[in-house]
Protein backbone atom coordinates (compact mmCIF):
# COMPACT_ATOMS: atom_id res chain seq x y z
CA MET A 1 35.22 73.74 -59.37
CA ASP A 2 36.80 70.29 -59.03
CA ALA A 3 35.30 67.36 -57.13
CA LEU A 4 37.19 68.13 -53.90
CA GLY A 5 36.10 71.75 -53.97
CA GLN A 6 32.51 70.73 -54.59
CA LEU A 7 32.71 68.18 -51.78
CA ALA A 8 34.07 70.82 -49.38
CA HIS A 9 31.07 72.98 -50.24
CA GLY A 10 28.83 69.96 -49.71
CA PHE A 11 30.20 69.53 -46.19
CA GLN A 12 29.29 73.14 -45.44
CA VAL A 13 25.72 72.27 -46.40
CA ALA A 14 25.58 68.93 -44.60
CA LEU A 15 27.21 70.10 -41.36
CA THR A 16 24.51 72.61 -40.47
CA PRO A 17 22.73 71.65 -37.23
CA GLU A 18 19.43 71.09 -39.05
CA ASN A 19 20.89 68.75 -41.66
CA LEU A 20 22.96 66.88 -39.07
CA GLY A 21 19.73 66.28 -37.19
CA TRP A 22 18.02 64.88 -40.29
CA ALA A 23 21.05 62.68 -41.02
CA LEU A 24 20.87 61.29 -37.47
CA ILE A 25 17.13 60.65 -37.81
CA GLY A 26 17.77 58.92 -41.11
CA VAL A 27 20.46 56.54 -39.85
CA LEU A 28 18.42 55.74 -36.74
CA LEU A 29 15.31 54.94 -38.79
CA GLY A 30 17.35 53.05 -41.38
CA THR A 31 19.05 50.88 -38.80
CA ALA A 32 15.76 50.21 -37.04
CA VAL A 33 13.96 49.15 -40.20
CA GLY A 34 16.95 47.15 -41.36
CA VAL A 35 16.75 45.15 -38.15
CA LEU A 36 13.03 44.43 -38.52
CA PRO A 37 12.40 41.47 -40.85
CA GLY A 38 10.44 42.27 -43.98
CA ILE A 39 10.82 46.05 -43.68
CA GLY A 40 13.68 47.35 -45.82
CA PRO A 41 14.93 50.80 -46.84
CA ALA A 42 12.74 50.90 -49.98
CA LEU A 43 9.58 50.43 -47.92
CA THR A 44 10.67 53.01 -45.34
CA VAL A 45 11.56 55.70 -47.89
CA ALA A 46 8.23 55.06 -49.65
CA LEU A 47 6.38 55.33 -46.36
CA LEU A 48 8.06 58.63 -45.47
CA LEU A 49 7.55 60.30 -48.85
CA PRO A 50 4.17 61.80 -47.91
CA VAL A 51 5.41 62.90 -44.48
CA THR A 52 8.46 64.75 -45.84
CA TYR A 53 6.49 66.70 -48.44
CA LYS A 54 6.96 70.02 -46.61
CA LEU A 55 10.64 69.47 -45.82
CA GLU A 56 13.34 71.25 -47.78
CA PRO A 57 14.65 68.90 -50.51
CA ILE A 58 18.20 68.91 -49.11
CA SER A 59 17.04 67.87 -45.64
CA ALA A 60 14.67 65.22 -47.03
CA PHE A 61 17.30 63.57 -49.22
CA ILE A 62 19.94 63.66 -46.49
CA MET A 63 17.46 61.76 -44.33
CA PHE A 64 16.63 59.33 -47.17
CA ALA A 65 20.34 58.65 -47.72
CA GLY A 66 20.73 57.92 -44.01
CA ILE A 67 17.81 55.49 -44.20
CA TYR A 68 19.39 53.78 -47.22
CA TYR A 69 22.80 53.33 -45.60
CA GLY A 70 21.27 52.51 -42.22
CA GLY A 71 19.07 49.83 -43.75
CA MET A 72 22.16 48.19 -45.23
CA TYR A 73 23.82 48.22 -41.80
CA GLY A 74 20.80 47.05 -39.83
CA GLY A 75 19.98 44.09 -42.06
CA SER A 76 23.06 42.26 -40.81
CA THR A 77 21.81 42.24 -37.19
CA THR A 78 18.70 40.22 -37.98
CA SER A 79 20.60 37.96 -40.36
CA ILE A 80 23.19 37.11 -37.72
CA LEU A 81 21.03 36.80 -34.60
CA LEU A 82 17.74 35.61 -36.09
CA ASN A 83 18.74 33.99 -39.40
CA THR A 84 16.09 36.19 -41.03
CA PRO A 85 17.51 38.85 -43.39
CA GLY A 86 15.99 42.29 -42.87
CA GLU A 87 16.35 42.97 -46.60
CA SER A 88 17.43 40.98 -49.65
CA ALA A 89 21.05 42.17 -49.71
CA SER A 90 21.64 40.59 -46.27
CA ILE A 91 20.69 37.06 -47.32
CA VAL A 92 24.30 35.97 -47.77
CA THR A 93 25.28 37.37 -44.36
CA ALA A 94 22.87 34.92 -42.71
CA LEU A 95 24.72 31.91 -44.15
CA GLU A 96 27.79 32.29 -41.95
CA GLY A 97 26.72 34.99 -39.50
CA ASN A 98 23.99 32.94 -37.86
CA LYS A 99 26.35 29.96 -37.55
CA MET A 100 28.87 32.22 -35.78
CA ALA A 101 26.12 33.40 -33.40
CA LYS A 102 25.20 29.81 -32.56
CA ARG A 103 28.87 29.14 -31.74
CA GLY A 104 28.87 32.08 -29.31
CA ARG A 105 30.66 34.46 -31.72
CA GLY A 106 27.66 36.62 -32.58
CA ALA A 107 29.39 39.68 -31.14
CA ALA A 108 32.38 39.22 -33.47
CA ALA A 109 30.05 38.72 -36.44
CA LEU A 110 28.23 41.96 -35.65
CA ALA A 111 31.55 43.78 -35.25
CA THR A 112 33.03 42.64 -38.55
CA ALA A 113 29.74 43.49 -40.28
CA ALA A 114 29.65 47.00 -38.77
CA ILE A 115 33.33 47.84 -39.38
CA GLY A 116 33.28 46.30 -42.85
CA SER A 117 30.18 48.32 -43.68
CA PHE A 118 31.93 51.48 -42.49
CA VAL A 119 35.09 50.79 -44.53
CA ALA A 120 33.17 49.84 -47.65
CA GLY A 121 30.65 52.67 -47.34
CA THR A 122 33.41 55.24 -46.95
CA VAL A 123 35.51 53.91 -49.83
CA GLY A 124 32.39 53.60 -51.98
CA THR A 125 31.40 57.19 -51.22
CA ILE A 126 34.90 58.32 -52.18
CA GLY A 127 34.39 56.46 -55.47
CA LEU A 128 31.04 58.20 -55.94
CA THR A 129 32.68 61.58 -55.29
CA PHE A 130 35.22 61.19 -58.10
CA LEU A 131 33.11 59.10 -60.51
CA ALA A 132 30.09 61.41 -60.54
CA PRO A 133 31.76 64.32 -62.46
CA PHE A 134 32.89 61.94 -65.25
CA MET A 135 29.38 60.48 -65.56
CA VAL A 136 27.95 64.01 -65.65
CA GLU A 137 30.29 64.89 -68.54
CA LEU A 138 29.01 61.85 -70.40
CA GLY A 139 25.40 62.71 -69.65
CA LEU A 140 25.78 66.24 -71.00
CA ARG A 141 26.35 64.74 -74.46
CA PHE A 142 22.96 63.05 -74.42
CA GLY A 143 20.06 64.18 -76.55
CA PRO A 144 16.42 62.97 -76.52
CA ALA A 145 17.33 59.77 -78.43
CA GLU A 146 20.09 58.91 -75.94
CA TYR A 147 17.87 59.58 -72.95
CA PHE A 148 15.12 57.40 -74.41
CA ALA A 149 17.67 54.62 -74.94
CA LEU A 150 18.88 55.09 -71.36
CA VAL A 151 15.34 54.70 -70.04
CA VAL A 152 14.93 51.54 -72.14
CA LEU A 153 18.15 50.27 -70.56
CA ALA A 154 16.70 50.96 -67.10
CA PHE A 155 13.54 49.08 -68.05
CA THR A 156 15.40 46.01 -69.30
CA THR A 157 18.02 45.75 -66.57
CA ILE A 158 15.57 46.20 -63.69
CA THR A 159 13.10 43.83 -65.36
CA ALA A 160 15.61 41.14 -66.25
CA LEU A 161 17.52 41.08 -62.98
CA LEU A 162 14.91 41.68 -60.26
CA GLY A 163 13.01 38.40 -59.96
CA ASP A 164 13.43 34.89 -61.26
CA SER A 165 11.36 35.30 -64.43
CA VAL A 166 11.85 37.82 -67.24
CA ALA A 167 8.21 37.36 -68.27
CA ARG A 168 6.95 38.25 -64.78
CA GLY A 169 9.37 41.17 -64.71
CA PHE A 170 7.92 42.56 -67.94
CA LEU A 171 4.41 42.01 -66.63
CA SER A 172 5.30 44.20 -63.65
CA LEU A 173 6.87 46.80 -65.96
CA PHE A 174 3.77 46.99 -68.16
CA ILE A 175 1.58 47.41 -65.07
CA GLY A 176 3.74 50.36 -64.07
CA LEU A 177 3.68 51.84 -67.58
CA ALA A 178 -0.13 51.59 -67.61
CA LEU A 179 -0.34 53.35 -64.22
CA GLY A 180 2.01 56.04 -65.53
CA LEU A 181 -0.31 56.72 -68.49
CA VAL A 182 -3.29 57.57 -66.26
CA GLY A 183 -4.29 61.22 -66.74
CA ILE A 184 -4.32 63.67 -69.65
CA ASP A 185 -2.04 63.17 -72.65
CA THR A 186 -0.02 66.39 -72.91
CA LEU A 187 0.15 66.17 -76.71
CA SER A 188 -3.46 65.39 -77.67
CA GLY A 189 -5.26 66.58 -74.53
CA GLN A 190 -7.20 63.30 -74.33
CA SER A 191 -7.80 61.55 -71.02
CA ARG A 192 -6.28 58.09 -70.59
CA PHE A 193 -7.36 55.32 -68.19
CA THR A 194 -9.30 57.70 -65.95
CA PHE A 195 -12.57 55.68 -66.11
CA GLY A 196 -14.55 58.89 -65.76
CA VAL A 197 -13.05 59.79 -62.36
CA PRO A 198 -12.19 63.53 -62.40
CA GLN A 199 -9.60 63.15 -59.63
CA LEU A 200 -7.53 60.93 -61.93
CA LEU A 201 -7.19 63.53 -64.70
CA ASP A 202 -3.93 64.74 -63.14
CA GLY A 203 -2.63 61.18 -63.00
CA ILE A 204 -1.80 58.97 -60.04
CA ASP A 205 0.78 60.56 -57.78
CA VAL A 206 4.06 58.62 -57.79
CA VAL A 207 4.06 58.77 -53.99
CA THR A 208 0.70 56.99 -53.87
CA VAL A 209 2.01 54.30 -56.22
CA ALA A 210 5.25 53.84 -54.28
CA VAL A 211 3.55 53.70 -50.88
CA GLY A 212 0.77 51.44 -52.15
CA LEU A 213 2.89 48.88 -53.98
CA PHE A 214 5.81 48.84 -51.55
CA ALA A 215 4.59 49.74 -48.07
CA VAL A 216 0.95 48.60 -48.10
CA GLY A 217 1.52 45.63 -50.41
CA GLU A 218 4.55 44.44 -48.43
CA THR A 219 2.66 44.82 -45.16
CA PHE A 220 -0.27 42.74 -46.45
CA TRP A 221 2.15 40.08 -47.69
CA VAL A 222 4.30 39.82 -44.56
CA ALA A 223 1.25 39.86 -42.29
CA SER A 224 -0.37 37.05 -44.29
CA ARG A 225 2.72 34.88 -43.85
CA MET A 226 3.36 35.79 -40.22
CA ARG A 227 4.53 32.82 -38.19
CA HIS A 228 2.70 32.06 -34.99
CA ASP A 229 5.77 30.55 -33.34
CA PRO A 230 8.04 33.14 -31.68
CA ASP A 231 11.41 33.74 -33.35
CA GLN A 232 14.43 32.35 -31.57
CA ILE A 233 16.76 35.30 -31.06
CA ILE A 234 20.34 34.40 -30.20
CA PRO A 235 21.53 36.77 -27.43
CA VAL A 236 24.69 38.84 -27.87
CA LYS A 237 27.27 37.68 -25.35
CA GLY A 238 30.16 39.85 -24.26
CA LYS A 239 31.44 43.03 -25.91
CA VAL A 240 30.87 43.57 -29.60
CA TRP A 241 34.49 43.26 -30.63
CA MET A 242 36.91 40.91 -32.40
CA THR A 243 40.06 39.04 -31.50
CA GLY A 244 43.35 39.76 -33.23
CA GLN A 245 42.96 36.67 -35.41
CA GLU A 246 39.47 37.75 -36.45
CA TRP A 247 40.80 41.19 -37.38
CA ALA A 248 43.49 39.55 -39.52
CA ARG A 249 40.88 37.38 -41.26
CA SER A 250 38.50 40.30 -41.87
CA TRP A 251 40.42 43.21 -43.34
CA LYS A 252 41.20 41.62 -46.71
CA PRO A 253 37.57 40.50 -47.26
CA TRP A 254 36.48 44.06 -46.42
CA LEU A 255 38.66 45.44 -49.21
CA ARG A 256 37.78 42.69 -51.69
CA GLY A 257 34.08 43.12 -50.97
CA THR A 258 34.40 46.86 -51.56
CA ALA A 259 36.22 46.26 -54.85
CA ILE A 260 33.37 44.00 -55.99
CA GLY A 261 30.42 45.96 -54.63
CA PHE A 262 31.06 49.50 -55.83
CA PRO A 263 31.65 48.91 -59.56
CA ILE A 264 28.77 46.42 -59.83
CA GLY A 265 26.45 48.79 -57.97
CA SER A 266 27.46 51.54 -60.42
CA LEU A 267 26.47 49.46 -63.46
CA PRO A 268 22.97 49.65 -64.93
CA ALA A 269 22.68 45.93 -64.22
CA GLY A 270 24.04 46.30 -60.70
CA GLY A 271 22.26 46.40 -57.36
CA ALA A 272 23.28 44.96 -54.00
CA GLU A 273 22.34 41.28 -54.27
CA ILE A 274 24.74 40.22 -57.04
CA PRO A 275 27.98 41.55 -55.45
CA THR A 276 27.18 39.95 -52.07
CA PHE A 277 26.90 36.50 -53.66
CA LEU A 278 30.05 37.10 -55.72
CA SER A 279 31.95 38.21 -52.62
CA TYR A 280 30.85 35.12 -50.67
CA ALA A 281 31.94 32.83 -53.52
CA LEU A 282 35.32 34.61 -53.75
CA GLU A 283 35.98 34.40 -50.00
CA LYS A 284 35.03 30.73 -49.98
CA ARG A 285 37.59 30.11 -52.73
CA LEU A 286 40.40 32.19 -51.17
CA THR A 287 39.99 31.22 -47.52
CA LYS A 288 42.71 29.41 -45.58
CA HIS A 289 40.00 27.88 -43.41
CA PRO A 290 37.70 26.07 -45.86
CA GLU A 291 36.50 23.73 -43.13
CA GLU A 292 34.75 26.65 -41.38
CA PHE A 293 32.59 27.66 -44.35
CA GLY A 294 29.09 26.49 -43.68
CA HIS A 295 29.86 26.40 -39.95
CA GLY A 296 30.55 30.10 -39.21
CA ALA A 297 33.49 31.54 -41.19
CA ILE A 298 34.05 35.20 -40.40
CA GLU A 299 35.20 35.88 -43.97
CA GLY A 300 31.72 34.91 -45.15
CA VAL A 301 30.30 37.80 -43.09
CA ALA A 302 33.02 40.42 -43.67
CA GLY A 303 33.17 40.21 -47.47
CA PRO A 304 29.45 40.21 -48.32
CA GLU A 305 28.66 42.98 -45.83
CA ALA A 306 31.39 45.15 -47.36
CA ALA A 307 30.08 44.40 -50.86
CA ASN A 308 26.57 45.22 -49.69
CA ASN A 309 27.44 48.71 -48.44
CA ALA A 310 29.87 49.55 -51.24
CA SER A 311 27.16 48.76 -53.77
CA ALA A 312 24.82 51.20 -51.98
CA ALA A 313 27.22 54.03 -52.86
CA GLY A 314 27.59 52.61 -56.36
CA VAL A 315 23.82 52.58 -56.91
CA LEU A 316 23.68 56.32 -56.21
CA ALA A 317 26.16 57.09 -59.02
CA PRO A 318 23.89 56.29 -62.01
CA LEU A 319 20.86 57.58 -60.09
CA LEU A 320 22.29 61.05 -59.41
CA THR A 321 24.23 61.51 -62.65
CA LEU A 322 21.96 59.86 -65.24
CA GLY A 323 18.61 59.41 -63.45
CA LEU A 324 19.01 55.64 -63.84
CA PRO A 325 17.72 53.49 -60.93
CA THR A 326 19.40 50.09 -60.50
CA SER A 327 17.64 48.87 -57.35
CA ALA A 328 14.24 49.03 -55.66
CA THR A 329 15.39 51.72 -53.23
CA ALA A 330 16.87 53.76 -56.09
CA ALA A 331 13.51 53.58 -57.87
CA ILE A 332 11.77 54.99 -54.78
CA LEU A 333 14.42 57.72 -54.46
CA LEU A 334 13.82 58.62 -58.11
CA ALA A 335 10.12 58.95 -57.30
CA ALA A 336 11.08 61.21 -54.39
CA PHE A 337 13.11 63.46 -56.70
CA GLN A 338 10.15 63.79 -59.05
CA ARG A 339 7.85 64.53 -56.10
CA TYR A 340 10.01 67.59 -55.43
CA GLY A 341 10.00 68.58 -59.10
CA LEU A 342 13.65 67.53 -59.54
CA ASN A 343 15.09 65.39 -62.33
CA PRO A 344 18.31 63.55 -61.43
CA GLY A 345 20.91 63.81 -64.16
CA PRO A 346 23.71 66.05 -65.44
CA THR A 347 21.58 69.20 -65.24
CA LEU A 348 20.88 68.60 -61.54
CA PHE A 349 24.60 68.98 -60.79
CA GLN A 350 24.47 72.39 -62.49
CA SER A 351 21.07 73.60 -61.29
CA ASP A 352 21.20 72.38 -57.68
CA PRO A 353 24.80 71.64 -56.62
CA ASP A 354 23.96 72.29 -52.95
CA LEU A 355 21.54 69.38 -52.98
CA VAL A 356 23.80 66.94 -54.84
CA TRP A 357 27.06 67.63 -53.01
CA GLY A 358 25.34 68.12 -49.66
CA LEU A 359 23.82 64.68 -50.14
CA ILE A 360 27.18 63.12 -51.04
CA ALA A 361 28.87 64.80 -48.06
CA SER A 362 26.11 63.51 -45.77
CA LEU A 363 27.03 59.95 -46.77
CA TYR A 364 30.45 60.36 -45.12
CA ILE A 365 28.82 61.80 -42.00
CA GLY A 366 26.15 59.09 -41.91
CA ASN A 367 28.80 56.37 -42.12
CA VAL A 368 30.53 57.69 -39.01
CA MET A 369 27.20 57.96 -37.20
CA LEU A 370 26.31 54.38 -38.13
CA LEU A 371 29.62 53.00 -36.87
CA VAL A 372 29.14 54.77 -33.53
CA LEU A 373 25.54 53.58 -33.27
CA ASN A 374 25.99 49.98 -34.38
CA LEU A 375 28.99 48.81 -32.38
CA PRO A 376 27.90 49.69 -28.81
CA LEU A 377 24.12 49.56 -29.34
CA ALA A 378 23.71 46.19 -31.05
CA GLY A 379 21.82 44.82 -28.04
CA VAL A 380 19.40 47.76 -28.16
CA TRP A 381 18.57 47.18 -31.82
CA VAL A 382 17.87 43.51 -31.14
CA ARG A 383 15.12 44.50 -28.69
CA LEU A 384 13.15 45.94 -31.61
CA LEU A 385 12.49 42.35 -32.64
CA ALA A 386 10.27 42.02 -29.57
CA ILE A 387 7.68 44.44 -31.02
CA PRO A 388 4.48 42.44 -31.68
CA ARG A 389 4.13 42.04 -35.43
CA PRO A 390 0.36 42.82 -35.58
CA LEU A 391 0.95 46.19 -33.89
CA LEU A 392 3.86 46.97 -36.20
CA TYR A 393 2.04 46.24 -39.45
CA ALA A 394 -1.19 47.90 -38.31
CA ALA A 395 0.81 51.05 -37.55
CA ILE A 396 2.38 50.97 -41.02
CA LEU A 397 -1.04 50.77 -42.69
CA VAL A 398 -2.42 53.64 -40.63
CA PHE A 399 0.71 55.73 -41.20
CA ALA A 400 0.56 55.11 -44.96
CA GLY A 401 -3.10 56.15 -45.11
CA LEU A 402 -2.64 59.31 -43.04
CA GLY A 403 0.41 60.38 -45.04
CA THR A 404 -1.28 59.89 -48.40
CA TYR A 405 -4.49 61.64 -47.33
CA GLY A 406 -2.45 64.49 -45.86
CA ILE A 407 -0.97 65.36 -49.26
CA SER A 408 -4.17 65.72 -51.28
CA GLY A 409 -7.07 65.46 -48.82
CA SER A 410 -8.78 63.21 -51.37
CA THR A 411 -10.59 60.01 -50.46
CA VAL A 412 -10.02 58.85 -54.05
CA ASP A 413 -6.28 58.77 -53.33
CA LEU A 414 -6.96 56.61 -50.27
CA VAL A 415 -9.01 54.17 -52.34
CA VAL A 416 -6.27 54.08 -55.00
CA LEU A 417 -3.65 53.57 -52.27
CA TYR A 418 -5.28 50.45 -50.86
CA LEU A 419 -6.21 49.12 -54.30
CA LEU A 420 -2.54 49.40 -55.23
CA GLY A 421 -1.67 47.72 -51.93
CA ALA A 422 -3.94 44.81 -52.87
CA LEU A 423 -2.26 44.73 -56.29
CA GLY A 424 1.15 44.66 -54.60
CA PHE A 425 0.01 41.75 -52.44
CA VAL A 426 -1.18 39.79 -55.50
CA MET A 427 2.11 40.50 -57.27
CA ARG A 428 4.08 39.09 -54.35
CA ARG A 429 1.74 36.12 -54.14
CA PHE A 430 2.58 35.15 -57.73
CA ASP A 431 6.27 36.14 -57.46
CA VAL A 432 5.96 39.20 -59.71
CA PRO A 433 8.67 41.73 -58.71
CA VAL A 434 7.37 45.13 -57.62
CA ALA A 435 10.38 47.33 -58.49
CA PRO A 436 9.82 47.23 -62.29
CA ALA A 437 6.29 48.56 -61.76
CA VAL A 438 7.59 51.55 -59.80
CA VAL A 439 10.27 52.15 -62.45
CA GLY A 440 7.55 52.02 -65.12
CA VAL A 441 5.41 54.59 -63.30
CA VAL A 442 8.32 56.96 -62.73
CA LEU A 443 10.17 56.62 -66.04
CA GLY A 444 7.26 55.82 -68.37
CA PRO A 445 6.22 59.47 -68.90
CA VAL A 446 9.92 60.41 -69.23
CA ALA A 447 10.40 57.80 -71.95
CA GLU A 448 7.28 58.99 -73.78
CA ASP A 449 8.45 62.61 -73.68
CA HIS A 450 11.98 61.87 -74.96
CA PHE A 451 10.62 59.47 -77.61
CA ARG A 452 8.35 62.15 -79.04
CA ARG A 453 11.03 64.84 -78.92
CA ALA A 454 13.56 62.58 -80.68
CA LEU A 455 11.07 61.83 -83.47
CA GLN A 456 10.23 65.52 -83.83
CA ILE A 457 13.92 66.38 -84.23
CA ALA A 458 14.41 63.52 -86.72
CA GLN A 459 11.20 64.47 -88.59
CA GLY A 460 9.56 61.14 -87.85
CA ASN A 461 12.56 58.98 -88.79
CA TYR A 462 12.64 56.03 -86.35
CA ALA A 463 16.17 55.16 -87.47
CA THR A 464 17.46 58.04 -85.35
CA PHE A 465 17.58 55.71 -82.33
CA VAL A 466 20.07 53.32 -84.01
CA THR A 467 22.03 55.70 -86.22
CA ARG A 468 23.26 57.87 -83.33
CA PRO A 469 26.30 56.04 -81.86
CA ILE A 470 25.62 56.55 -78.13
CA SER A 471 21.93 55.69 -78.48
CA ALA A 472 22.71 52.58 -80.53
CA PHE A 473 25.32 51.43 -77.98
CA ILE A 474 22.92 51.87 -75.05
CA LEU A 475 20.18 49.96 -76.89
CA LEU A 476 22.68 47.18 -77.57
CA LEU A 477 23.40 47.01 -73.82
CA ALA A 478 19.66 46.80 -73.19
CA ALA A 479 19.36 43.88 -75.63
CA LEU A 480 22.30 42.11 -73.98
CA ALA A 481 20.69 42.61 -70.56
CA LEU A 482 17.74 40.57 -71.82
CA ILE A 483 19.69 37.91 -73.73
CA VAL A 484 22.74 37.21 -71.56
CA PRO A 485 21.17 36.28 -68.16
CA PRO A 486 18.97 33.45 -69.59
CA LEU A 487 21.94 32.13 -71.58
CA LEU A 488 24.13 32.16 -68.47
CA ARG A 489 21.46 30.34 -66.44
CA ARG A 490 21.08 27.73 -69.18
CA TRP A 491 24.84 27.29 -69.39
CA GLN A 492 25.10 26.92 -65.62
CA ALA A 493 22.28 24.36 -65.59
CA ARG A 494 24.03 22.27 -68.26
CA ARG A 495 27.31 22.56 -66.40
CA ASP A 496 25.70 21.39 -63.17
CA GLN A 497 24.03 18.53 -65.01
CA HIS A 498 27.30 17.35 -66.52
CA SER A 499 29.19 17.68 -63.24
CA ALA A 500 26.57 15.78 -61.22
CA PRO A 501 27.37 12.13 -60.33
CA ALA A 502 25.86 9.54 -62.67
CA GLY A 503 23.40 8.30 -60.05
CA VAL A 504 22.12 11.80 -59.35
CA ARG A 505 21.28 12.75 -62.94
């Protein structure tokens, strides 16, 4: 069956009343957490993993996808009206969006962000629909050596690109790999890193790790830095709509942002942050109103928001087809798949097409829901910012503890949860990115399994990883992911030094 036929079947799955309800819950939760500063889609999905344990996988992932897309939408509201991005991909939106709000054009900024997100999300989902089958065909050619190389690529790209320091990124990765080794070695039967605690013989549940490092750790960190002065929220004046001139200045940035966001999000070195910065730089160069940049140019909101949401669809392409996470939220979604005993990749499209295509179809539905919710209800979402922060973060901690205890009924898991939360807090304190640790926990055992299988097939010959063309090419990409970013930063630093005025050097 071709992609359109599969998508039509996916709509039959997604349009059931039950799944429509979960999609609506997802987009509502996603928008709400996107609006709240410091609480992004990765944290929310991690927090809900224990709660959704008894849900059907299709319903759970439709809700998670709604949270992901909704978080991308909602982050723009806080960026524009509060100058505080709800999640990292909305940082660029704050540059021009908040300036527009201060000039009394906050409503137009919210409108171009919402419509641009809808356009980009829809086009990006169309791209995902037709790109996924080609990536599945590629993935079906992979053997254990290729899958091991692919996991190494995930390790290097996530480690090199998330955070300012490659060394701190690898430190986070090794922490995750160590956590992933806890339990019994399936080959030798020996216990590893259990410290004599019987409850750890089965390993640390990926949900406990995700909730501890992301939800609990982030809550500790944000609460410790909570400002005592109240935030100055700029009120939304008038209807959330744009003038004819603002429409004319927005539609091209929407399309350009989509063209930048989706392919970069699809790459192993993608994510949402890079395309938003690239889109902003492009719009600043192409604008016919350069004097407005830095003072509230609508192009600086339209382009990055489109890139942001297009990249969200792009991130799902390598996740669903190859099991390769390229962002923090994708890493948590990968943990969710494993929690349900599912392994994203080419075989998932064959073994569980209802889940995959129902999920993709739900992205189209969620986009429409988000447009309807965000345009008329912007003022309602802003009121969430009035929730007292101590109550909010205390509720998150309690919710995380109850959800984790509800899965296993073990007090050991609760202790591990809050120990991991303390570890997550320390990692943020010293600017160590958390996402590589989660990737290490989730993909570490996968890498170990494929590594052993590849060596068994090759009769112990380590050269098998570089003599097989696809494996060698993927490992080369992994090496470039480590080498190229530092070289580019060094080149940019030298360029800035040479271009600086003599008195400034």
